Structures are given as C-alpha cells and as structure tokens.
Amino acid sequence: MAKKPLRILPHAIKHLTKEPATSKYPFEKAKVYPNFRGRIVFDSEKCIGCKMCMRVCPAKAIEIVISIEQPTPQTGPDGNPIPAKKKFDCIMNLDRCIYCAQCVDICPKKALKSSEDFELAQLDRKKLKLHYK
C-alpha cells in the first residue's frame, strides 16, 4: 500500500498559522505564576532561632547562626537591664537548595519567604552562598 505524501500538507499549513507554544524568554520577561517557589529570602527581625527550617530542609541548605551584631540591652525604669531579643543570621547555600519551600512552610514566625527570583545561575560557586544579616 503506497502512502500519500501530500496528506500531511493540511496539517503542516494549520501549524504554520498557529501561535508558537514556547515563550520568547530572554527577549521577553518570563511570567511568574502565583505561589512560584524561587530564591528563599530571610528576614532576621522575625527569626527566633528555633532552627526548624534547618531540621526540615532535605538538602541541608540552610544554616541559622547567632549574629555577631547583637542589640544592646535596654535598662528598665527601675534601673534593671532588660534582655534584648537575640538576632540571628541565615546562611543559604543556593547550590544545594532544591526550592521545595518546606522551610517557608514550617517557619513559625514567617521569617523565610519564597521570592520570584529565578535567574540564579552563576559561574562562581562562592556567589551561591548567601549570608542574610
């Protein structure tokens, strides 16, 4: 049975007039959808140092450390010192992070958030280690 070579012609013409299914990404800005899990951002003012994010991270990409810059203790009206809230830093290893956002979900004080930043490729591996203060 001989195949008809022109039977594909209507199908080819139909696809020539359709919109492309791909995006024009570096030339046009990529659309970021709601709940996109991009680079993790840390807010040290909210962090209480519970280290739940470290425990839940499957890639061990997060390290919570006590900050070198601690606030000075205040004195109360009776002259006794009031202890200041400890300040914590976050060291995020983006080369290990799998962007699962389990750390964002588990944080009781919402000190970690997912950003819309997804262009994270680097030639220098040292730039993939972020120290949030």
N, C-alpha and C. Protein backbone atom coordinates (compact mmCIF):
# COMPACT_ATOMS: atom_id res chain seq x y z
N MET A 1 0.86 -1.17 0.00
CA MET A 1 0.00 0.00 0.00
C MET A 1 0.91 1.24 0.00
N ALA A 2 0.74 2.09 -0.96
CA ALA A 2 1.56 3.30 -1.10
C ALA A 2 1.00 4.41 -0.21
N LYS A 3 1.91 5.12 0.45
CA LYS A 3 1.49 6.24 1.29
C LYS A 3 1.36 7.49 0.44
N LYS A 4 0.41 8.32 0.80
CA LYS A 4 0.19 9.55 0.06
C LYS A 4 1.02 10.65 0.70
N PRO A 5 2.04 11.19 0.00
CA PRO A 5 2.93 12.18 0.60
C PRO A 5 2.25 13.54 0.87
N LEU A 6 1.19 13.86 0.18
CA LEU A 6 0.57 15.17 0.35
C LEU A 6 -0.51 15.20 1.44
N ARG A 7 -0.77 14.07 2.07
CA ARG A 7 -1.82 14.07 3.08
C ARG A 7 -1.40 14.85 4.34
N ILE A 8 -0.12 15.12 4.50
CA ILE A 8 0.36 15.89 5.64
C ILE A 8 0.28 17.40 5.38
N LEU A 9 0.06 17.80 4.16
CA LEU A 9 0.05 19.21 3.79
C LEU A 9 -0.98 20.03 4.57
N PRO A 10 -2.21 19.63 4.73
CA PRO A 10 -3.16 20.43 5.52
C PRO A 10 -2.73 20.57 6.98
N HIS A 11 -2.17 19.52 7.52
CA HIS A 11 -1.69 19.54 8.91
C HIS A 11 -0.53 20.53 9.05
N ALA A 12 0.39 20.56 8.11
CA ALA A 12 1.54 21.48 8.15
C ALA A 12 1.08 22.93 8.01
N ILE A 13 0.13 23.19 7.14
CA ILE A 13 -0.37 24.56 6.95
C ILE A 13 -1.07 25.04 8.22
N LYS A 14 -1.82 24.15 8.87
CA LYS A 14 -2.51 24.51 10.10
C LYS A 14 -1.51 24.93 11.18
N HIS A 15 -0.40 24.24 11.30
CA HIS A 15 0.58 24.55 12.34
C HIS A 15 1.46 25.76 11.98
N LEU A 16 1.54 26.11 10.73
CA LEU A 16 2.28 27.30 10.33
C LEU A 16 1.55 28.58 10.74
N THR A 17 0.24 28.50 10.84
CA THR A 17 -0.54 29.68 11.18
C THR A 17 -0.85 29.79 12.67
N LYS A 18 -0.51 28.79 13.47
CA LYS A 18 -0.78 28.81 14.91
C LYS A 18 0.27 29.64 15.64
N GLU A 19 -0.11 30.12 16.84
CA GLU A 19 0.84 30.80 17.73
C GLU A 19 1.84 29.77 18.25
N PRO A 20 3.09 30.17 18.45
CA PRO A 20 4.06 29.22 18.99
C PRO A 20 3.73 28.86 20.45
N ALA A 21 4.06 27.64 20.83
CA ALA A 21 3.77 27.16 22.18
C ALA A 21 4.87 27.56 23.17
N THR A 22 6.00 27.98 22.68
CA THR A 22 7.12 28.34 23.55
C THR A 22 7.12 29.83 23.84
N SER A 23 7.85 30.21 24.89
CA SER A 23 7.97 31.63 25.23
C SER A 23 9.22 32.19 24.57
N LYS A 24 9.32 33.51 24.54
CA LYS A 24 10.47 34.16 23.93
C LYS A 24 11.42 34.62 25.03
N TYR A 25 11.65 33.72 26.02
CA TYR A 25 12.34 34.12 27.24
C TYR A 25 13.69 34.78 27.06
N PRO A 26 14.65 34.95 26.83
CA PRO A 26 15.43 36.08 27.35
C PRO A 26 15.05 37.40 26.74
N PHE A 27 14.30 37.37 25.63
CA PHE A 27 13.95 38.62 24.95
C PHE A 27 12.70 39.26 25.56
N GLU A 28 11.84 38.47 26.13
CA GLU A 28 10.66 38.96 26.83
C GLU A 28 10.70 38.46 28.27
N LYS A 29 10.23 39.28 29.20
CA LYS A 29 10.25 38.90 30.61
C LYS A 29 9.35 37.69 30.82
N ALA A 30 9.87 36.73 31.57
CA ALA A 30 9.11 35.50 31.84
C ALA A 30 7.97 35.79 32.82
N LYS A 31 6.85 35.13 32.62
CA LYS A 31 5.70 35.29 33.51
C LYS A 31 5.89 34.39 34.72
N VAL A 32 5.80 34.96 35.90
CA VAL A 32 5.93 34.20 37.14
C VAL A 32 4.53 34.01 37.72
N TYR A 33 4.17 32.78 37.94
CA TYR A 33 2.83 32.44 38.40
C TYR A 33 2.72 32.56 39.93
N PRO A 34 1.51 32.71 40.45
CA PRO A 34 1.34 32.78 41.91
C PRO A 34 1.86 31.49 42.56
N ASN A 35 2.37 31.62 43.78
CA ASN A 35 2.94 30.51 44.54
C ASN A 35 4.19 29.92 43.89
N PHE A 36 4.87 30.71 43.07
CA PHE A 36 6.12 30.27 42.48
C PHE A 36 7.17 30.16 43.58
N ARG A 37 7.96 29.11 43.57
CA ARG A 37 8.97 28.90 44.60
C ARG A 37 10.34 29.25 44.04
N GLY A 38 10.73 30.51 44.22
CA GLY A 38 12.04 30.98 43.77
C GLY A 38 13.02 31.01 44.91
N ARG A 39 13.99 31.92 44.81
CA ARG A 39 15.03 32.06 45.84
C ARG A 39 14.38 32.38 47.18
N ILE A 40 14.90 31.76 48.24
CA ILE A 40 14.38 31.96 49.59
C ILE A 40 14.98 33.25 50.16
N VAL A 41 14.13 34.08 50.76
CA VAL A 41 14.54 35.35 51.36
C VAL A 41 14.35 35.23 52.88
N PHE A 42 15.30 35.77 53.64
CA PHE A 42 15.30 35.68 55.10
C PHE A 42 15.12 37.05 55.72
N ASP A 43 14.27 37.14 56.74
CA ASP A 43 14.04 38.38 57.49
C ASP A 43 14.52 38.15 58.92
N SER A 44 15.68 38.71 59.27
CA SER A 44 16.28 38.44 60.57
C SER A 44 15.49 39.05 61.73
N GLU A 45 14.69 40.08 61.46
CA GLU A 45 13.90 40.70 62.52
C GLU A 45 12.83 39.75 63.05
N LYS A 46 12.34 38.86 62.21
CA LYS A 46 11.29 37.93 62.61
C LYS A 46 11.82 36.63 63.20
N CYS A 47 13.07 36.28 62.90
CA CYS A 47 13.63 34.98 63.28
C CYS A 47 13.82 34.88 64.79
N ILE A 48 13.39 33.75 65.36
CA ILE A 48 13.54 33.50 66.79
C ILE A 48 14.63 32.45 67.06
N GLY A 49 15.24 31.92 66.03
CA GLY A 49 16.33 30.97 66.19
C GLY A 49 15.90 29.56 66.55
N CYS A 50 14.71 29.15 66.19
CA CYS A 50 14.23 27.80 66.53
C CYS A 50 14.89 26.72 65.67
N LYS A 51 15.41 27.10 64.53
CA LYS A 51 16.13 26.22 63.59
C LYS A 51 15.26 25.10 63.02
N MET A 52 13.95 25.32 63.00
CA MET A 52 13.05 24.34 62.39
C MET A 52 13.32 24.23 60.90
N CYS A 53 13.69 25.34 60.28
CA CYS A 53 13.98 25.33 58.84
C CYS A 53 15.19 24.45 58.54
N MET A 54 16.17 24.47 59.41
CA MET A 54 17.36 23.63 59.24
C MET A 54 17.00 22.15 59.36
N ARG A 55 16.12 21.84 60.30
CA ARG A 55 15.74 20.44 60.52
C ARG A 55 14.93 19.87 59.38
N VAL A 56 14.08 20.69 58.78
CA VAL A 56 13.16 20.19 57.76
C VAL A 56 13.77 20.21 56.35
N CYS A 57 14.85 20.92 56.14
CA CYS A 57 15.45 21.06 54.80
C CYS A 57 16.06 19.74 54.35
N PRO A 58 15.54 19.14 53.28
CA PRO A 58 16.07 17.84 52.83
C PRO A 58 17.47 17.95 52.24
N ALA A 59 17.86 19.11 51.77
CA ALA A 59 19.17 19.29 51.15
C ALA A 59 20.21 19.87 52.10
N LYS A 60 19.80 20.17 53.33
CA LYS A 60 20.69 20.79 54.33
C LYS A 60 21.32 22.06 53.77
N ALA A 61 20.49 22.91 53.16
CA ALA A 61 20.96 24.13 52.50
C ALA A 61 20.88 25.36 53.40
N ILE A 62 20.30 25.24 54.59
CA ILE A 62 20.10 26.39 55.47
C ILE A 62 20.91 26.21 56.75
N GLU A 63 21.51 27.31 57.17
CA GLU A 63 22.22 27.32 58.45
C GLU A 63 21.82 28.60 59.19
N ILE A 64 21.28 28.46 60.38
CA ILE A 64 20.91 29.60 61.21
C ILE A 64 21.99 29.76 62.29
N VAL A 65 22.60 30.94 62.33
CA VAL A 65 23.66 31.21 63.30
C VAL A 65 23.32 32.49 64.07
N ILE A 66 23.89 32.60 65.27
CA ILE A 66 23.71 33.82 66.05
C ILE A 66 24.53 34.92 65.41
N SER A 67 23.93 36.07 65.23
CA SER A 67 24.58 37.20 64.57
C SER A 67 25.69 37.78 65.44
N ILE A 68 26.73 38.29 64.80
CA ILE A 68 27.81 38.96 65.50
C ILE A 68 27.31 40.28 66.07
N GLU A 69 26.44 40.95 65.34
CA GLU A 69 25.89 42.24 65.75
C GLU A 69 24.63 42.01 66.58
N GLN A 70 24.77 41.98 67.89
CA GLN A 70 23.63 41.80 68.79
C GLN A 70 23.17 43.16 69.30
N PRO A 71 21.86 43.35 69.49
CA PRO A 71 21.38 44.62 70.04
C PRO A 71 21.82 44.79 71.49
N THR A 72 22.02 46.02 71.88
CA THR A 72 22.43 46.29 73.27
C THR A 72 21.23 46.17 74.19
N PRO A 73 21.43 45.63 75.39
CA PRO A 73 20.31 45.50 76.33
C PRO A 73 19.85 46.87 76.82
N GLN A 74 18.57 47.02 76.99
CA GLN A 74 17.96 48.27 77.45
C GLN A 74 17.85 48.24 78.98
N THR A 75 17.80 49.40 79.56
CA THR A 75 17.57 49.48 81.00
C THR A 75 16.12 49.87 81.25
N GLY A 76 15.52 49.20 82.20
CA GLY A 76 14.13 49.46 82.53
C GLY A 76 13.99 50.69 83.41
N PRO A 77 12.75 51.06 83.76
CA PRO A 77 12.52 52.24 84.60
C PRO A 77 13.09 52.09 86.01
N ASP A 78 13.23 50.84 86.46
CA ASP A 78 13.79 50.63 87.80
C ASP A 78 15.31 50.49 87.78
N GLY A 79 15.93 50.64 86.62
CA GLY A 79 17.38 50.56 86.50
C GLY A 79 17.91 49.17 86.20
N ASN A 80 17.05 48.16 86.20
CA ASN A 80 17.48 46.79 85.88
C ASN A 80 17.56 46.62 84.38
N PRO A 81 18.57 45.86 83.91
CA PRO A 81 18.68 45.65 82.46
C PRO A 81 17.58 44.71 81.93
N ILE A 82 17.03 45.08 80.79
CA ILE A 82 16.03 44.25 80.11
C ILE A 82 16.77 43.52 79.00
N PRO A 83 16.76 42.19 79.00
CA PRO A 83 17.49 41.47 77.96
C PRO A 83 16.89 41.73 76.58
N ALA A 84 17.77 41.96 75.61
CA ALA A 84 17.33 42.21 74.24
C ALA A 84 17.11 40.89 73.51
N LYS A 85 16.25 40.92 72.54
CA LYS A 85 15.98 39.74 71.71
C LYS A 85 17.23 39.42 70.91
N LYS A 86 17.65 38.15 70.89
CA LYS A 86 18.83 37.76 70.13
C LYS A 86 18.55 37.92 68.64
N LYS A 87 19.60 38.25 67.91
CA LYS A 87 19.49 38.42 66.46
C LYS A 87 20.18 37.24 65.79
N PHE A 88 19.56 36.70 64.74
CA PHE A 88 20.08 35.53 64.04
C PHE A 88 20.33 35.86 62.57
N ASP A 89 21.32 35.21 61.99
CA ASP A 89 21.63 35.32 60.57
C ASP A 89 21.30 33.99 59.90
N CYS A 90 21.14 34.03 58.61
CA CYS A 90 20.86 32.82 57.83
C CYS A 90 21.92 32.70 56.74
N ILE A 91 22.51 31.54 56.64
CA ILE A 91 23.43 31.25 55.54
C ILE A 91 22.71 30.26 54.63
N MET A 92 22.43 30.70 53.42
CA MET A 92 21.67 29.91 52.46
C MET A 92 22.61 29.44 51.35
N ASN A 93 22.70 28.13 51.18
CA ASN A 93 23.52 27.54 50.12
C ASN A 93 22.62 27.26 48.92
N LEU A 94 22.60 28.18 47.97
CA LEU A 94 21.71 28.03 46.81
C LEU A 94 22.13 26.89 45.89
N ASP A 95 23.40 26.47 45.98
CA ASP A 95 23.82 25.34 45.15
C ASP A 95 23.28 24.02 45.68
N ARG A 96 22.82 23.99 46.91
CA ARG A 96 22.22 22.79 47.48
C ARG A 96 20.69 22.85 47.49
N CYS A 97 20.14 24.03 47.54
CA CYS A 97 18.69 24.21 47.69
C CYS A 97 17.93 23.59 46.51
N ILE A 98 16.87 22.87 46.82
CA ILE A 98 16.04 22.27 45.77
C ILE A 98 14.73 23.03 45.60
N TYR A 99 14.58 24.17 46.30
CA TYR A 99 13.44 25.08 46.18
C TYR A 99 12.10 24.38 46.44
N CYS A 100 12.10 23.52 47.45
CA CYS A 100 10.87 22.82 47.83
C CYS A 100 10.00 23.70 48.73
N ALA A 101 10.58 24.71 49.35
CA ALA A 101 9.90 25.67 50.22
C ALA A 101 9.34 25.04 51.49
N GLN A 102 9.88 23.91 51.92
CA GLN A 102 9.45 23.33 53.19
C GLN A 102 9.85 24.23 54.35
N CYS A 103 10.99 24.92 54.21
CA CYS A 103 11.44 25.84 55.24
C CYS A 103 10.47 27.01 55.39
N VAL A 104 9.92 27.47 54.29
CA VAL A 104 8.95 28.57 54.32
C VAL A 104 7.68 28.12 55.01
N ASP A 105 7.25 26.91 54.73
CA ASP A 105 6.02 26.39 55.32
C ASP A 105 6.15 26.13 56.82
N ILE A 106 7.33 25.70 57.29
CA ILE A 106 7.50 25.30 58.68
C ILE A 106 7.83 26.46 59.61
N CYS A 107 8.33 27.57 59.09
CA CYS A 107 8.78 28.68 59.94
C CYS A 107 7.60 29.26 60.73
N PRO A 108 7.65 29.21 62.08
CA PRO A 108 6.51 29.69 62.88
C PRO A 108 6.34 31.21 62.85
N LYS A 109 7.39 31.94 62.57
CA LYS A 109 7.33 33.40 62.56
C LYS A 109 7.36 33.99 61.16
N LYS A 110 7.32 33.15 60.14
CA LYS A 110 7.33 33.57 58.73
C LYS A 110 8.56 34.44 58.41
N ALA A 111 9.72 34.01 58.92
CA ALA A 111 10.97 34.72 58.66
C ALA A 111 11.55 34.36 57.30
N LEU A 112 11.08 33.28 56.70
CA LEU A 112 11.52 32.86 55.37
C LEU A 112 10.37 32.99 54.39
N LYS A 113 10.68 33.50 53.19
CA LYS A 113 9.67 33.66 52.14
C LYS A 113 10.28 33.23 50.82
N SER A 114 9.44 32.76 49.92
CA SER A 114 9.87 32.47 48.55
C SER A 114 9.74 33.74 47.73
N SER A 115 10.77 34.05 46.97
CA SER A 115 10.70 35.23 46.11
C SER A 115 10.40 34.80 44.68
N GLU A 116 10.27 35.75 43.80
CA GLU A 116 10.03 35.46 42.39
C GLU A 116 11.33 35.41 41.60
N ASP A 117 12.45 35.48 42.29
CA ASP A 117 13.76 35.47 41.64
C ASP A 117 14.12 34.06 41.22
N PHE A 118 14.30 33.84 39.93
CA PHE A 118 14.63 32.51 39.44
C PHE A 118 15.90 32.50 38.59
N GLU A 119 16.45 33.64 38.27
CA GLU A 119 17.66 33.69 37.46
C GLU A 119 18.87 33.65 38.40
N LEU A 120 19.25 32.46 38.81
CA LEU A 120 20.25 32.28 39.85
C LEU A 120 21.55 31.64 39.36
N ALA A 121 21.69 31.42 38.08
CA ALA A 121 22.89 30.76 37.56
C ALA A 121 24.12 31.63 37.79
N GLN A 122 25.21 31.01 38.21
CA GLN A 122 26.47 31.70 38.50
C GLN A 122 27.63 30.89 37.95
N LEU A 123 28.71 31.58 37.61
CA LEU A 123 29.94 30.90 37.22
C LEU A 123 30.83 30.65 38.43
N ASP A 124 30.70 31.48 39.45
CA ASP A 124 31.49 31.36 40.66
C ASP A 124 30.62 30.75 41.76
N ARG A 125 31.01 29.59 42.26
CA ARG A 125 30.21 28.88 43.25
C ARG A 125 30.10 29.65 44.57
N LYS A 126 31.06 30.49 44.87
CA LYS A 126 31.04 31.28 46.11
C LYS A 126 29.88 32.26 46.13
N LYS A 127 29.41 32.68 44.95
CA LYS A 127 28.29 33.61 44.88
C LYS A 127 26.95 32.92 45.18
N LEU A 128 26.95 31.61 45.22
CA LEU A 128 25.73 30.87 45.53
C LEU A 128 25.54 30.65 47.02
N LYS A 129 26.46 31.15 47.83
CA LYS A 129 26.33 31.08 49.29
C LYS A 129 25.97 32.47 49.78
N LEU A 130 24.71 32.65 50.17
CA LEU A 130 24.22 33.95 50.61
C LEU A 130 24.20 34.02 52.13
N HIS A 131 24.69 35.12 52.66
CA HIS A 131 24.67 35.35 54.11
C HIS A 131 23.70 36.49 54.36
N TYR A 132 22.50 36.14 54.83
CA TYR A 132 21.49 37.13 55.17
C TYR A 132 21.73 37.62 56.58
N LYS A 133 21.80 38.92 56.75
CA LYS A 133 22.02 39.51 58.08
C LYS A 133 20.80 40.27 58.51
